[in-house]
Every structure is written in C-alpha cells, then in structure tokens.
Protein backbone atom coordinates (compact mmCIF):
# COMPACT_ATOMS: atom_id res chain seq x y z
CA MET A 1 131.28 124.34 105.60
CA ILE A 2 131.26 123.22 102.07
CA ASP A 3 134.31 124.60 99.84
CA MET A 4 133.48 125.85 96.56
CA GLN A 5 135.27 122.95 94.76
CA THR A 6 133.33 120.50 96.56
CA ALA A 7 130.00 122.37 95.58
CA ALA A 8 131.34 122.63 92.02
CA SER A 9 131.97 118.59 91.90
CA ALA A 10 128.53 117.64 93.31
CA LEU A 11 126.83 120.35 90.90
CA ASP A 12 129.15 118.23 88.00
CA LEU A 13 127.56 115.15 89.35
CA LEU A 14 124.18 116.11 89.25
CA VAL A 15 124.18 117.65 85.81
CA VAL A 16 125.72 114.35 84.64
CA GLN A 17 123.24 112.56 86.11
CA SER A 18 120.40 114.41 84.78
CA ILE A 19 121.84 114.33 81.25
CA GLY A 20 122.21 110.55 81.50
CA ILE A 21 118.25 110.56 82.77
CA ALA A 22 117.32 112.85 79.76
CA ALA A 23 119.03 110.58 77.09
CA PHE A 24 117.68 107.67 78.96
CA LYS A 25 113.62 109.16 78.39
CA ILE A 26 114.44 110.69 75.09
CA THR A 27 115.61 106.85 73.82
CA CYS A 28 112.54 105.19 75.04
CA LEU A 29 110.38 108.04 73.64
CA LEU A 30 112.31 107.43 70.00
CA SER A 31 112.19 103.77 70.24
CA GLY A 32 108.28 103.75 71.21
CA THR A 33 108.01 106.01 68.16
CA LEU A 34 109.81 103.97 65.84
CA ILE A 35 107.61 101.08 67.01
CA VAL A 36 104.50 102.60 66.32
CA PHE A 37 105.52 104.05 63.16
CA MET A 38 106.72 100.34 62.11
CA GLY A 39 102.92 99.32 63.03
CA TYR A 40 101.51 102.34 60.89
CA LYS A 41 103.66 101.22 57.84
CA LEU A 42 102.17 97.58 58.22
CA PHE A 43 99.00 98.90 57.82
CA VAL A 44 99.93 101.15 54.79
CA PHE A 45 101.14 98.21 53.07
CA GLY A 46 98.37 96.02 53.50
CA LYS A 47 99.74 93.35 56.03
CA TRP A 48 96.68 92.28 57.30
CA GLY A 49 97.20 88.37 57.94
CA GLU A 50 96.37 86.87 61.45
CA SER A 51 99.03 87.08 64.03
CA GLY A 52 97.39 85.68 67.01
CA ASP A 53 96.03 86.28 70.20
CA ILE A 54 97.02 88.61 72.84
CA GLN A 55 96.07 88.76 76.57
CA GLY A 56 97.39 90.92 79.13
CA GLU A 57 96.61 91.69 82.86
CA TYR A 58 97.84 94.37 84.95
CA LYS A 59 96.21 94.84 88.45
CA ASN A 60 92.38 95.01 87.78
CA ILE A 61 92.78 95.70 83.97
CA LYS A 62 92.57 93.03 81.45
CA LEU A 63 92.90 93.59 77.74
CA ILE A 64 92.32 90.77 75.10
CA ILE A 65 93.07 91.15 71.78
CA ARG A 66 92.24 88.47 69.19
CA ARG A 67 93.13 87.87 65.32
CA ALA A 68 94.70 91.50 65.32
CA ALA A 69 96.51 92.53 62.55
CA PRO A 70 100.48 92.67 63.04
CA GLY A 71 100.16 96.58 62.55
CA THR A 72 97.92 96.48 65.73
CA LEU A 73 100.16 94.83 67.97
CA PHE A 74 103.20 97.02 66.86
CA ALA A 75 101.07 100.22 67.47
CA LEU A 76 99.81 99.00 70.99
CA PHE A 77 103.35 97.97 71.86
CA GLY A 78 104.85 101.06 70.90
CA ALA A 79 102.12 103.11 72.82
CA ILE A 80 102.91 100.80 76.05
CA ILE A 81 106.43 101.60 75.93
CA ILE A 82 105.77 105.75 75.33
CA CYS A 83 102.83 105.62 78.21
CA TRP A 84 105.14 103.76 80.49
CA THR A 85 108.26 106.40 79.53
CA VAL A 86 105.97 109.61 80.14
CA PHE A 87 104.04 108.41 83.01
CA GLU A 88 106.75 106.55 85.03
CA GLY A 89 109.62 108.41 86.97
CA ILE A 90 112.93 107.62 87.64
CA ASN A 91 113.89 107.37 91.18
CA TYR A 92 117.53 107.99 91.98
CA ASN A 93 119.11 109.41 95.44
CA PHE A 94 121.48 111.76 94.83
CA THR A 95 123.95 111.75 97.90
CA SER A 96 125.67 114.59 98.81
CA TYR A 97 129.53 114.63 98.16
CA SER A 98 131.54 115.89 100.87
CA SER A 99 135.16 116.53 101.42
CA GLU A 100 134.97 114.39 104.30
CA VAL A 101 134.64 111.44 102.07
CA GLU A 102 136.72 112.68 99.55
CA ASN A 103 139.61 112.45 102.27
CA GLU A 104 139.22 109.20 103.62
CA LYS A 105 141.64 106.51 102.82
CA PRO A 106 140.39 103.28 101.71
CA VAL A 107 141.05 100.36 104.38
CA LEU A 108 142.51 97.03 103.07
CA ASP A 109 141.63 93.97 104.47
CA GLU A 110 144.62 91.62 105.28
C-alpha cells in the first residue's frame, strides 16, 4: 500500500518532469520562430546574395536548394526546427517511486 507522502512525492516528480518537457518544447518553438523571423528580416532588408547550394536527404525524401537567398535558408532551417518540435515527442519513462527504495541503504564496495 502506498502512503500519502510517497504518492505526493511521485506527483511532485511528475509535475517537475512535465514542466521541464514543456519548457524544452517552448524553447525549441521560440528559437525556431526567431530563426524564421531573422530569415524574413533578411528578405525585408534586401539581402539577396547567393549563399551556395544545400542538399539534404531523409529516408526517401531528397531536397536540393541552389543559389538561394540567405533568408530562404534561415526560414527553411527555422521551419525544420518548428516541425521537429511539434511532430517529434519526447520519450521518458516515469518510474514509480516506492517507499522500499526510499528506505534502502546504499552498499559501499570496499
């Protein structure tokens, strides 16, 4: 049987983990949005110089961008960060916190 203190400790740990995951997701979304905004600003300021070629491949999808403006690359990179954040979940295992583990004493190897 689980006592109330152990249940409260487990709930506290779950809340802390959830806040950490939410903070990570929000930080990723904000950084992706900032990068897209910087790409937009490059377009607005008229930075149209050629930045080179980029080629990427993922599974059976291949993307090639040639002679793209720097704003395009920023916007693409920011969009990739945003999509990764939205569609990729974070896997974590929440192990139950039991009083048996709490009362165990560590064994020191001599």
